[in-house]
PDB file of N, CA and C in Angstrom:
ATOM      1  N   MET A   1    -133.525 116.561 143.503  1.00  0.00           N
ATOM      2  CA  MET A   1    -134.336 117.619 142.914  1.00  0.00           C
ATOM      3  C   MET A   1    -133.840 118.002 141.518  1.00  0.00           C
ATOM      4  N   ALA A   2    -132.514 118.030 141.344  1.00  0.00           N
ATOM      5  CA  ALA A   2    -131.954 118.405 140.043  1.00  0.00           C
ATOM      6  C   ALA A   2    -132.380 117.423 138.962  1.00  0.00           C
ATOM      7  N   TYR A   3    -132.399 116.124 139.293  1.00  0.00           N
ATOM      8  CA  TYR A   3    -132.774 115.138 138.281  1.00  0.00           C
ATOM      9  C   TYR A   3    -134.268 115.172 137.978  1.00  0.00           C
ATOM     10  N   ALA A   4    -135.089 115.561 138.940  1.00  0.00           N
ATOM     11  CA  ALA A   4    -136.516 115.741 138.665  1.00  0.00           C
ATOM     12  C   ALA A   4    -136.716 116.909 137.700  1.00  0.00           C
ATOM     13  N   LEU A   5    -135.965 117.987 137.902  1.00  0.00           N
ATOM     14  CA  LEU A   5    -136.029 119.125 136.979  1.00  0.00           C
ATOM     15  C   LEU A   5    -135.523 118.734 135.594  1.00  0.00           C
ATOM     16  N   LEU A   6    -134.485 117.902 135.560  1.00  0.00           N
ATOM     17  CA  LEU A   6    -133.965 117.438 134.273  1.00  0.00           C
ATOM     18  C   LEU A   6    -135.016 116.597 133.554  1.00  0.00           C
ATOM     19  N   ALA A   7    -135.719 115.762 134.278  1.00  0.00           N
ATOM     20  CA  ALA A   7    -136.793 114.961 133.674  1.00  0.00           C
ATOM     21  C   ALA A   7    -137.885 115.863 133.105  1.00  0.00           C
ATOM     22  N   LEU A   8    -138.229 116.920 133.830  1.00  0.00           N
ATOM     23  CA  LEU A   8    -139.227 117.871 133.328  1.00  0.00           C
ATOM     24  C   LEU A   8    -138.719 118.615 132.096  1.00  0.00           C
ATOM     25  N   ALA A   9    -137.429 118.942 132.083  1.00  0.00           N
ATOM     26  CA  ALA A   9    -136.841 119.605 130.919  1.00  0.00           C
ATOM     27  C   ALA A   9    -136.910 118.692 129.694  1.00  0.00           C
ATOM     28  N   ILE A  10    -136.624 117.424 129.894  1.00  0.00           N
ATOM     29  CA  ILE A  10    -136.703 116.449 128.799  1.00  0.00           C
ATOM     30  C   ILE A  10    -138.139 116.328 128.315  1.00  0.00           C
ATOM     31  N   PHE A  11    -139.077 116.262 129.246  1.00  0.00           N
ATOM     32  CA  PHE A  11    -140.496 116.173 128.882  1.00  0.00           C
ATOM     33  C   PHE A  11    -140.923 117.399 128.069  1.00  0.00           C
ATOM     34  N   ALA A  12    -140.509 118.592 128.497  1.00  0.00           N
ATOM     35  CA  ALA A  12    -140.858 119.813 127.768  1.00  0.00           C
ATOM     36  C   ALA A  12    -140.263 119.794 126.362  1.00  0.00           C
ATOM     37  N   GLU A  13    -139.053 119.298 126.233  1.00  0.00           N
ATOM     38  CA  GLU A  13    -138.400 119.195 124.919  1.00  0.00           C
ATOM     39  C   GLU A  13    -139.153 118.229 124.007  1.00  0.00           C
ATOM     40  N   ILE A  14    -139.593 117.121 124.559  1.00  0.00           N
ATOM     41  CA  ILE A  14    -140.347 116.132 123.786  1.00  0.00           C
ATOM     42  C   ILE A  14    -141.667 116.727 123.314  1.00  0.00           C
ATOM     43  N   ILE A  15    -142.377 117.390 124.209  1.00  0.00           N
ATOM     44  CA  ILE A  15    -143.649 118.031 123.846  1.00  0.00           C
ATOM     45  C   ILE A  15    -143.423 119.061 122.748  1.00  0.00           C
ATOM     46  N   ALA A  16    -142.355 119.842 122.866  1.00  0.00           N
ATOM     47  CA  ALA A  16    -142.044 120.860 121.854  1.00  0.00           C
ATOM     48  C   ALA A  16    -141.775 120.217 120.502  1.00  0.00           C
ATOM     49  N   ALA A  17    -140.986 119.154 120.484  1.00  0.00           N
ATOM     50  CA  ALA A  17    -140.652 118.501 119.220  1.00  0.00           C
ATOM     51  C   ALA A  17    -141.880 117.885 118.559  1.00  0.00           C
ATOM     52  N   ILE A  18    -142.698 117.211 119.343  1.00  0.00           N
ATOM     53  CA  ILE A  18    -143.910 116.597 118.792  1.00  0.00           C
ATOM     54  C   ILE A  18    -144.874 117.682 118.297  1.00  0.00           C
ATOM     55  N   SER A  19    -144.970 118.779 119.025  1.00  0.00           N
ATOM     56  CA  SER A  19    -145.839 119.885 118.595  1.00  0.00           C
ATOM     57  C   SER A  19    -145.361 120.493 117.286  1.00  0.00           C
ATOM     58  N   THR A  20    -144.051 120.549 117.111  1.00  0.00           N
ATOM     59  CA  THR A  20    -143.508 121.055 115.849  1.00  0.00           C
ATOM     60  C   THR A  20    -143.978 120.206 114.684  1.00  0.00           C
ATOM     61  N   ARG A  21    -144.064 118.913 114.906  1.00  0.00           N
ATOM     62  CA  ARG A  21    -144.546 118.005 113.855  1.00  0.00           C
ATOM     63  C   ARG A  21    -145.966 118.373 113.422  1.00  0.00           C
ATOM     64  N   PHE A  22    -146.784 118.765 114.380  1.00  0.00           N
ATOM     65  CA  PHE A  22    -148.183 119.079 114.077  1.00  0.00           C
ATOM     66  C   PHE A  22    -148.417 120.537 113.694  1.00  0.00           C
ATOM     67  N   SER A  23    -147.377 121.356 113.741  1.00  0.00           N
ATOM     68  CA  SER A  23    -147.541 122.785 113.439  1.00  0.00           C
ATOM     69  C   SER A  23    -147.630 123.074 111.940  1.00  0.00           C
ATOM     70  N   GLU A  24    -147.290 122.088 111.123  1.00  0.00           N
ATOM     71  CA  GLU A  24    -147.298 122.231 109.662  1.00  0.00           C
ATOM     72  C   GLU A  24    -146.537 123.476 109.225  1.00  0.00           C
ATOM     73  N   GLY A  25    -145.251 123.485 109.570  1.00  0.00           N
ATOM     74  CA  GLY A  25    -144.398 124.613 109.186  1.00  0.00           C
ATOM     75  C   GLY A  25    -144.740 125.881 109.940  1.00  0.00           C
ATOM     76  N   PHE A  26    -145.165 125.746 111.157  1.00  0.00           N
ATOM     77  CA  PHE A  26    -145.577 126.862 112.011  1.00  0.00           C
ATOM     78  C   PHE A  26    -146.760 127.635 111.417  1.00  0.00           C
ATOM     79  N   SER A  27    -147.597 126.952 110.659  1.00  0.00           N
ATOM     80  CA  SER A  27    -148.789 127.598 110.093  1.00  0.00           C
ATOM     81  C   SER A  27    -150.023 127.410 110.971  1.00  0.00           C
ATOM     82  N   LYS A  28    -149.957 126.491 111.935  1.00  0.00           N
ATOM     83  CA  LYS A  28    -151.067 126.271 112.865  1.00  0.00           C
ATOM     84  C   LYS A  28    -150.703 126.892 114.205  1.00  0.00           C
ATOM     85  N   PRO A  29    -151.511 127.851 114.678  1.00  0.00           N
ATOM     86  CA  PRO A  29    -151.138 128.617 115.873  1.00  0.00           C
ATOM     87  C   PRO A  29    -150.968 127.799 117.155  1.00  0.00           C
ATOM     88  N   LEU A  30    -151.878 126.889 117.445  1.00  0.00           N
ATOM     89  CA  LEU A  30    -151.801 126.173 118.723  1.00  0.00           C
ATOM     90  C   LEU A  30    -150.565 125.286 118.821  1.00  0.00           C
ATOM     91  N   PRO A  31    -150.315 124.391 117.849  1.00  0.00           N
ATOM     92  CA  PRO A  31    -149.097 123.584 117.966  1.00  0.00           C
ATOM     93  C   PRO A  31    -147.828 124.436 117.924  1.00  0.00           C
ATOM     94  N   THR A  32    -147.864 125.539 117.191  1.00  0.00           N
ATOM     95  CA  THR A  32    -146.709 126.437 117.149  1.00  0.00           C
ATOM     96  C   THR A  32    -146.454 127.044 118.513  1.00  0.00           C
ATOM     97  N   ALA A  33    -147.506 127.517 119.174  1.00  0.00           N
ATOM     98  CA  ALA A  33    -147.364 128.104 120.510  1.00  0.00           C
ATOM     99  C   ALA A  33    -146.861 127.067 121.510  1.00  0.00           C
ATOM    100  N   ILE A  34    -147.387 125.852 121.421  1.00  0.00           N
ATOM    101  CA  ILE A  34    -146.943 124.792 122.333  1.00  0.00           C
ATOM    102  C   ILE A  34    -145.466 124.484 122.100  1.00  0.00           C
ATOM    103  N   ALA A  35    -145.044 124.451 120.836  1.00  0.00           N
ATOM    104  CA  ALA A  35    -143.642 124.185 120.510  1.00  0.00           C
ATOM    105  C   ALA A  35    -142.728 125.261 121.092  1.00  0.00           C
ATOM    106  N   ILE A  36    -143.096 126.511 120.914  1.00  0.00           N
ATOM    107  CA  ILE A  36    -142.268 127.621 121.407  1.00  0.00           C
ATOM    108  C   ILE A  36    -142.207 127.616 122.931  1.00  0.00           C
ATOM    109  N   ILE A  37    -143.362 127.459 123.563  1.00  0.00           N
ATOM    110  CA  ILE A  37    -143.405 127.417 125.027  1.00  0.00           C
ATOM    111  C   ILE A  37    -142.613 126.215 125.543  1.00  0.00           C
ATOM    112  N   GLY A  38    -142.718 125.090 124.861  1.00  0.00           N
ATOM    113  CA  GLY A  38    -141.990 123.891 125.271  1.00  0.00           C
ATOM    114  C   GLY A  38    -140.483 124.076 125.214  1.00  0.00           C
ATOM    115  N   VAL A  39    -139.987 124.685 124.135  1.00  0.00           N
ATOM    116  CA  VAL A  39    -138.538 124.900 124.005  1.00  0.00           C
ATOM    117  C   VAL A  39    -138.043 125.876 125.069  1.00  0.00           C
ATOM    118  N   VAL A  40    -138.769 126.973 125.259  1.00  0.00           N
ATOM    119  CA  VAL A  40    -138.364 127.951 126.276  1.00  0.00           C
ATOM    120  C   VAL A  40    -138.387 127.316 127.660  1.00  0.00           C
ATOM    121  N   THR A  41    -139.415 126.549 127.943  1.00  0.00           N
ATOM    122  CA  THR A  41    -139.522 125.864 129.231  1.00  0.00           C
ATOM    123  C   THR A  41    -138.387 124.866 129.418  1.00  0.00           C
ATOM    124  N   ALA A  42    -138.083 124.117 128.369  1.00  0.00           N
ATOM    125  CA  ALA A  42    -137.007 123.119 128.460  1.00  0.00           C
ATOM    126  C   ALA A  42    -135.675 123.777 128.787  1.00  0.00           C
ATOM    127  N   TYR A  43    -135.358 124.884 128.102  1.00  0.00           N
ATOM    128  CA  TYR A  43    -134.091 125.564 128.372  1.00  0.00           C
ATOM    129  C   TYR A  43    -134.087 126.218 129.757  1.00  0.00           C
ATOM    130  N   TYR A  44    -135.211 126.748 130.169  1.00  0.00           N
ATOM    131  CA  TYR A  44    -135.284 127.328 131.510  1.00  0.00           C
ATOM    132  C   TYR A  44    -135.028 126.256 132.572  1.00  0.00           C
ATOM    133  N   LEU A  45    -135.701 125.120 132.426  1.00  0.00           N
ATOM    134  CA  LEU A  45    -135.510 124.032 133.384  1.00  0.00           C
ATOM    135  C   LEU A  45    -134.081 123.502 133.339  1.00  0.00           C
ATOM    136  N   LEU A  46    -133.500 123.431 132.150  1.00  0.00           N
ATOM    137  CA  LEU A  46    -132.111 123.004 132.043  1.00  0.00           C
ATOM    138  C   LEU A  46    -131.191 123.977 132.784  1.00  0.00           C
ATOM    139  N   SER A  47    -131.489 125.269 132.708  1.00  0.00           N
ATOM    140  CA  SER A  47    -130.669 126.243 133.430  1.00  0.00           C
ATOM    141  C   SER A  47    -130.775 126.038 134.942  1.00  0.00           C
ATOM    142  N   LEU A  48    -131.954 125.664 135.420  1.00  0.00           N
ATOM    143  CA  LEU A  48    -132.119 125.377 136.847  1.00  0.00           C
ATOM    144  C   LEU A  48    -131.327 124.137 137.252  1.00  0.00           C
ATOM    145  N   VAL A  49    -131.310 123.143 136.365  1.00  0.00           N
ATOM    146  CA  VAL A  49    -130.542 121.919 136.615  1.00  0.00           C
ATOM    147  C   VAL A  49    -129.058 122.259 136.760  1.00  0.00           C
ATOM    148  N   LEU A  50    -128.558 123.065 135.850  1.00  0.00           N
ATOM    149  CA  LEU A  50    -127.134 123.447 135.897  1.00  0.00           C
ATOM    150  C   LEU A  50    -126.841 124.253 137.156  1.00  0.00           C
ATOM    151  N   ASN A  51    -127.783 125.078 137.566  1.00  0.00           N
ATOM    152  CA  ASN A  51    -127.624 125.877 138.773  1.00  0.00           C
ATOM    153  C   ASN A  51    -127.575 125.008 140.032  1.00  0.00           C
ATOM    154  N   ARG A  52    -128.113 123.804 139.935  1.00  0.00           N
ATOM    155  CA  ARG A  52    -128.127 122.894 141.084  1.00  0.00           C
ATOM    156  C   ARG A  52    -126.941 121.930 141.085  1.00  0.00           C
ATOM    157  N   GLY A  53    -125.992 122.155 140.190  1.00  0.00           N
ATOM    158  CA  GLY A  53    -124.723 121.441 140.299  1.00  0.00           C
ATOM    159  C   GLY A  53    -124.455 120.292 139.363  1.00  0.00           C
ATOM    160  N   ILE A  54    -125.398 119.919 138.520  1.00  0.00           N
ATOM    161  CA  ILE A  54    -125.088 118.862 137.558  1.00  0.00           C
ATOM    162  C   ILE A  54    -124.204 119.482 136.478  1.00  0.00           C
ATOM    163  N   PRO A  55    -123.064 118.870 136.168  1.00  0.00           N
ATOM    164  CA  PRO A  55    -122.177 119.437 135.145  1.00  0.00           C
ATOM    165  C   PRO A  55    -122.878 119.539 133.791  1.00  0.00           C
ATOM    166  N   ILE A  56    -122.556 120.582 133.040  1.00  0.00           N
ATOM    167  CA  ILE A  56    -123.232 120.825 131.765  1.00  0.00           C
ATOM    168  C   ILE A  56    -123.041 119.676 130.786  1.00  0.00           C
ATOM    169  N   GLY A  57    -121.863 119.065 130.776  1.00  0.00           N
ATOM    170  CA  GLY A  57    -121.623 117.951 129.859  1.00  0.00           C
ATOM    171  C   GLY A  57    -122.547 116.785 130.121  1.00  0.00           C
ATOM    172  N   VAL A  58    -122.801 116.513 131.380  1.00  0.00           N
ATOM    173  CA  VAL A  58    -123.690 115.415 131.758  1.00  0.00           C
ATOM    174  C   VAL A  58    -125.147 115.812 131.542  1.00  0.00           C
ATOM    175  N   ALA A  59    -125.535 116.977 132.058  1.00  0.00           N
ATOM    176  CA  ALA A  59    -126.941 117.405 131.970  1.00  0.00           C
ATOM    177  C   ALA A  59    -127.385 117.558 130.521  1.00  0.00           C
ATOM    178  N   TYR A  60    -126.567 118.217 129.714  1.00  0.00           N
ATOM    179  CA  TYR A  60    -126.964 118.454 128.317  1.00  0.00           C
ATOM    180  C   TYR A  60    -126.986 117.144 127.540  1.00  0.00           C
ATOM    181  N   ALA A  61    -126.026 116.267 127.802  1.00  0.00           N
ATOM    182  CA  ALA A  61    -126.004 114.986 127.105  1.00  0.00           C
ATOM    183  C   ALA A  61    -127.248 114.157 127.434  1.00  0.00           C
ATOM    184  N   ILE A  62    -127.604 114.114 128.698  1.00  0.00           N
ATOM    185  CA  ILE A  62    -128.800 113.364 129.098  1.00  0.00           C
ATOM    186  C   ILE A  62    -130.040 113.996 128.482  1.00  0.00           C
ATOM    187  N   TRP A  63    -130.144 115.318 128.581  1.00  0.00           N
ATOM    188  CA  TRP A  63    -131.302 116.046 128.060  1.00  0.00           C
ATOM    189  C   TRP A  63    -131.458 115.828 126.559  1.00  0.00           C
ATOM    190  N   ALA A  64    -130.389 116.035 125.834  1.00  0.00           N
ATOM    191  CA  ALA A  64    -130.455 115.925 124.372  1.00  0.00           C
ATOM    192  C   ALA A  64    -130.675 114.476 123.933  1.00  0.00           C
ATOM    193  N   ALA A  65    -129.913 113.561 124.489  1.00  0.00           N
ATOM    194  CA  ALA A  65    -129.985 112.173 124.049  1.00  0.00           C
ATOM    195  C   ALA A  65    -131.330 111.529 124.369  1.00  0.00           C
ATOM    196  N   LEU A  66    -131.807 111.726 125.591  1.00  0.00           N
ATOM    197  CA  LEU A  66    -133.095 111.118 125.940  1.00  0.00           C
ATOM    198  C   LEU A  66    -134.240 111.789 125.195  1.00  0.00           C
ATOM    199  N   GLY A  67    -134.091 113.088 124.920  1.00  0.00           N
ATOM    200  CA  GLY A  67    -135.105 113.767 124.105  1.00  0.00           C
ATOM    201  C   GLY A  67    -135.157 113.200 122.702  1.00  0.00           C
ATOM    202  N   VAL A  68    -134.001 113.060 122.071  1.00  0.00           N
ATOM    203  CA  VAL A  68    -133.933 112.518 120.705  1.00  0.00           C
ATOM    204  C   VAL A  68    -134.451 111.088 120.662  1.00  0.00           C
ATOM    205  N   ALA A  69    -133.986 110.256 121.585  1.00  0.00           N
ATOM    206  CA  ALA A  69    -134.420 108.859 121.602  1.00  0.00           C
ATOM    207  C   ALA A  69    -135.928 108.757 121.847  1.00  0.00           C
ATOM    208  N   SER A  70    -136.431 109.547 122.772  1.00  0.00           N
ATOM    209  CA  SER A  70    -137.864 109.505 123.083  1.00  0.00           C
ATOM    210  C   SER A  70    -138.714 109.957 121.898  1.00  0.00           C
ATOM    211  N   VAL A  71    -138.309 111.032 121.249  1.00  0.00           N
ATOM    212  CA  VAL A  71    -139.078 111.530 120.098  1.00  0.00           C
ATOM    213  C   VAL A  71    -139.057 110.496 118.972  1.00  0.00           C
ATOM    214  N   ALA A  72    -137.917 109.863 118.745  1.00  0.00           N
ATOM    215  CA  ALA A  72    -137.841 108.840 117.702  1.00  0.00           C
ATOM    216  C   ALA A  72    -138.757 107.658 118.024  1.00  0.00           C
ATOM    217  N   ILE A  73    -138.763 107.234 119.267  1.00  0.00           N
ATOM    218  CA  ILE A  73    -139.613 106.111 119.666  1.00  0.00           C
ATOM    219  C   ILE A  73    -141.083 106.496 119.595  1.00  0.00           C
ATOM    220  N   ILE A  74    -141.429 107.680 120.078  1.00  0.00           N
ATOM    221  CA  ILE A  74    -142.824 108.145 119.994  1.00  0.00           C
ATOM    222  C   ILE A  74    -143.264 108.234 118.538  1.00  0.00           C
ATOM    223  N   GLY A  75    -142.379 108.754 117.697  1.00  0.00           N
ATOM    224  CA  GLY A  75    -142.703 108.835 116.267  1.00  0.00           C
ATOM    225  C   GLY A  75    -142.964 107.461 115.675  1.00  0.00           C
ATOM    226  N   ALA A  76    -142.157 106.479 116.043  1.00  0.00           N
ATOM    227  CA  ALA A  76    -142.315 105.133 115.498  1.00  0.00           C
ATOM    228  C   ALA A  76    -143.562 104.441 116.040  1.00  0.00           C
ATOM    229  N   VAL A  77    -143.803 104.608 117.335  1.00  0.00           N
ATOM    230  CA  VAL A  77    -144.903 103.877 117.970  1.00  0.00           C
ATOM    231  C   VAL A  77    -146.261 104.534 117.725  1.00  0.00           C
ATOM    232  N   PHE A  78    -146.312 105.870 117.789  1.00  0.00           N
ATOM    233  CA  PHE A  78    -147.607 106.556 117.748  1.00  0.00           C
ATOM    234  C   PHE A  78    -147.868 107.367 116.468  1.00  0.00           C
ATOM    235  N   LEU A  79    -146.830 107.729 115.737  1.00  0.00           N
ATOM    236  CA  LEU A  79    -147.020 108.634 114.598  1.00  0.00           C
ATOM    237  C   LEU A  79    -146.694 107.983 113.261  1.00  0.00           C
ATOM    238  N   ASN A  80    -146.560 106.676 113.273  1.00  0.00           N
ATOM    239  CA  ASN A  80    -146.357 105.899 112.052  1.00  0.00           C
ATOM    240  C   ASN A  80    -145.044 106.219 111.325  1.00  0.00           C
ATOM    241  N   ASP A  81    -144.051 106.724 112.043  1.00  0.00           N
ATOM    242  CA  ASP A  81    -142.727 106.909 111.452  1.00  0.00           C
ATOM    243  C   ASP A  81    -142.075 105.530 111.348  1.00  0.00           C
ATOM    244  N   LYS A  82    -141.312 105.347 110.327  1.00  0.00           N
ATOM    245  CA  LYS A  82    -140.636 104.070 110.127  1.00  0.00           C
ATOM    246  C   LYS A  82    -139.187 104.185 110.591  1.00  0.00           C
ATOM    247  N   LEU A  83    -138.739 103.216 111.365  1.00  0.00           N
ATOM    248  CA  LEU A  83    -137.349 103.138 111.793  1.00  0.00           C
ATOM    249  C   LEU A  83    -136.781 101.798 111.346  1.00  0.00           C
ATOM    250  N   THR A  84    -135.569 101.842 110.806  1.00  0.00           N
ATOM    251  CA  THR A  84    -134.900 100.609 110.406  1.00  0.00           C
ATOM    252  C   THR A  84    -134.262  99.966 111.630  1.00  0.00           C
ATOM    253  N   LEU A  85    -133.809  98.751 111.452  1.00  0.00           N
ATOM    254  CA  LEU A  85    -133.129  98.047 112.533  1.00  0.00           C
ATOM    255  C   LEU A  85    -131.880  98.818 112.966  1.00  0.00           C
ATOM    256  N   ILE A  86    -131.173  99.373 112.015  1.00  0.00           N
ATOM    257  CA  ILE A  86    -129.976 100.155 112.347  1.00  0.00           C
ATOM    258  C   ILE A  86    -130.364 101.392 113.158  1.00  0.00           C
ATOM    259  N   GLN A  87    -131.475 102.029 112.843  1.00  0.00           N
ATOM    260  CA  GLN A  87    -131.919 103.192 113.617  1.00  0.00           C
ATOM    261  C   GLN A  87    -132.315 102.795 115.032  1.00  0.00           C
ATOM    262  N   TRP A  88    -132.970 101.662 115.202  1.00  0.00           N
ATOM    263  CA  TRP A  88    -133.293 101.176 116.549  1.00  0.00           C
ATOM    264  C   TRP A  88    -132.011 100.896 117.325  1.00  0.00           C
ATOM    265  N   PHE A  89    -131.014 100.339 116.641  1.00  0.00           N
ATOM    266  CA  PHE A  89    -129.726 100.094 117.278  1.00  0.00           C
ATOM    267  C   PHE A  89    -129.081 101.417 117.689  1.00  0.00           C
ATOM    268  N   GLY A  90    -129.215 102.432 116.855  1.00  0.00           N
ATOM    269  CA  GLY A  90    -128.689 103.754 117.188  1.00  0.00           C
ATOM    270  C   GLY A  90    -129.349 104.329 118.426  1.00  0.00           C
ATOM    271  N   ILE A  91    -130.642 104.146 118.557  1.00  0.00           N
ATOM    272  CA  ILE A  91    -131.356 104.609 119.750  1.00  0.00           C
ATOM    273  C   ILE A  91    -130.821 103.887 120.981  1.00  0.00           C
ATOM    274  N   LEU A  92    -130.592 102.587 120.856  1.00  0.00           N
ATOM    275  CA  LEU A  92    -130.008 101.825 121.967  1.00  0.00           C
ATOM    276  C   LEU A  92    -128.630 102.381 122.335  1.00  0.00           C
ATOM    277  N   LEU A  93    -127.817 102.699 121.336  1.00  0.00           N
ATOM    278  CA  LEU A  93    -126.499 103.264 121.601  1.00  0.00           C
ATOM    279  C   LEU A  93    -126.587 104.613 122.299  1.00  0.00           C
ATOM    280  N   VAL A  94    -127.556 105.435 121.906  1.00  0.00           N
ATOM    281  CA  VAL A  94    -127.753 106.732 122.560  1.00  0.00           C
ATOM    282  C   VAL A  94    -128.068 106.526 124.034  1.00  0.00           C
ATOM    283  N   ILE A  95    -128.970 105.615 124.318  1.00  0.00           N
ATOM    284  CA  ILE A  95    -129.350 105.345 125.699  1.00  0.00           C
ATOM    285  C   ILE A  95    -128.165 104.789 126.489  1.00  0.00           C
ATOM    286  N   LEU A  96    -127.411 103.885 125.880  1.00  0.00           N
ATOM    287  CA  LEU A  96    -126.226 103.342 126.551  1.00  0.00           C
ATOM    288  C   LEU A  96    -125.179 104.431 126.785  1.00  0.00           C
ATOM    289  N   GLY A  97    -125.060 105.357 125.848  1.00  0.00           N
ATOM    290  CA  GLY A  97    -124.132 106.463 126.017  1.00  0.00           C
ATOM    291  C   GLY A  97    -124.510 107.343 127.193  1.00  0.00           C
ATOM    292  N   VAL A  98    -125.788 107.626 127.335  1.00  0.00           N
ATOM    293  CA  VAL A  98    -126.256 108.420 128.464  1.00  0.00           C
ATOM    294  C   VAL A  98    -125.994 107.685 129.779  1.00  0.00           C
ATOM    295  N   LEU A  99    -126.279 106.402 129.800  1.00  0.00           N
ATOM    296  CA  LEU A  99    -126.014 105.622 131.014  1.00  0.00           C
ATOM    297  C   LEU A  99    -124.535 105.621 131.365  1.00  0.00           C
ATOM    298  N   SER A 100    -123.674 105.502 130.352  1.00  0.00           N
ATOM    299  CA  SER A 100    -122.241 105.497 130.638  1.00  0.00           C
ATOM    300  C   SER A 100    -121.773 106.848 131.152  1.00  0.00           C
ATOM    301  N   LEU A 101    -122.358 107.932 130.653  1.00  0.00           N
ATOM    302  CA  LEU A 101    -122.016 109.258 131.172  1.00  0.00           C
ATOM    303  C   LEU A 101    -122.398 109.381 132.640  1.00  0.00           C
ATOM    304  N   GLU A 102    -123.584 108.934 132.962  1.00  0.00           N
ATOM    305  CA  GLU A 102    -124.068 109.064 134.334  1.00  0.00           C
ATOM    306  C   GLU A 102    -123.355 108.104 135.273  1.00  0.00           C
ATOM    307  N   LEU A 103    -123.263 106.866 134.895  1.00  0.00           N
ATOM    308  CA  LEU A 103    -122.648 105.873 135.775  1.00  0.00           C
ATOM    309  C   LEU A 103    -121.128 106.018 135.822  1.00  0.00           C
ATOM    310  N   GLY A 104    -120.549 106.558 134.762  1.00  0.00           N
ATOM    311  CA  GLY A 104    -119.108 106.747 134.711  1.00  0.00           C
ATOM    312  C   GLY A 104    -118.601 107.729 135.759  1.00  0.00           C
ATOM    313  N   GLY A 105    -119.469 108.556 136.294  1.00  0.00           N
ATOM    314  CA  GLY A 105    -119.091 109.492 137.347  1.00  0.00           C
ATOM    315  C   GLY A 105    -118.717 108.805 138.641  1.00  0.00           C
ATOM    316  N   ASN A 106    -119.050 107.522 138.747  1.00  0.00           N
ATOM    317  CA  ASN A 106    -118.720 106.776 139.960  1.00  0.00           C
ATOM    318  C   ASN A 106    -117.315 106.202 139.930  1.00  0.00           C
ATOM    319  N   PHE A 107    -116.616 106.377 138.808  1.00  0.00           N
ATOM    320  CA  PHE A 107    -115.269 105.838 138.657  1.00  0.00           C
ATOM    321  C   PHE A 107    -114.262 106.968 138.713  1.00  0.00           C
ATOM    322  N   GLU A 108    -113.017 106.614 138.792  1.00  0.00           N
ATOM    323  CA  GLU A 108    -111.949 107.606 138.903  1.00  0.00           C
ATOM    324  C   GLU A 108    -111.953 108.544 137.704  1.00  0.00           C
ATOM    325  N   LYS A 109    -111.847 109.842 137.986  1.00  0.00           N
ATOM    326  CA  LYS A 109    -111.822 110.844 136.928  1.00  0.00           C
ATOM    327  C   LYS A 109    -110.430 110.924 136.329  1.00  0.00           C
ATOM    328  N   VAL A 110    -110.405 111.159 135.020  1.00  0.00           N
ATOM    329  CA  VAL A 110    -109.133 111.245 134.292  1.00  0.00           C
ATOM    330  C   VAL A 110    -108.577 112.644 134.423  1.00  0.00           C
TER     331      VAL A 110
END
């Protein structure tokens, strides 16, 4: 259940970030409202995730990293943002970092 809430928190963060792009400096009411509601929702859901026992270092890293990587990919694929090869490599590193955080919990703690 905690990871489903984390996925929803990431989704809310992505919606908020994309809405910010369309708000034109918060001059358009609808995208601005969606951005604000999305950020508040994302943090609320993240608080529920933490309340269900996922450590903050893991939950926040997954939330932030997958949000950033997803927004960058959505921007490149759907919003005509340009990404260099090095930036694509950086996105891969972010994803690998999140995987190592999650999978690393199965090994002996230092």
